[in-house]
Amino acid sequence: TLETEGGFYIVTEEVVPLPCAKPAEGDERTPAVWGLYQVLDGLSFLHSSGFTHGLFGPLAVFVNSQGDYRLGSFELCQKGMDTGTAIASRRRVGPTFSGWPEPPAALQEGGI
């Protein structure tokens, strides 16, 4: 980790964004299934700790050289964020940034 006056950085390993990733050579696993499990496990940990990711989408998923998926893009991650706040925060940064289209109208209006 590196702490500066403007924030701190946690460096883990070299990764590439999911849309740019190529399957690792010799990987016997089904990459999408294994990767989905890894990312959802990370989200589960966040949620069980009371945090909401806030920017989850294809551009928040990264892949390392071994083909393991990593969750990233924690810019909007907050503790105790409700659905409406998460959608409003996401709308400020735009759907293109998160990699997903606009959420359904029912969610935008506080439904579900």
Foldseek 3Di string as FASTA:
>chain_A
DAADPVGGDDDDADWAQQVPDDAAPPDPDPLVVQQVVQVVVVQVVQVVVQKDQLQAASRQWIAHNNSHIDGHDSPPIDGNDDLQRSLVSDVVVNCVNSVHHRDDPCSNVPHD
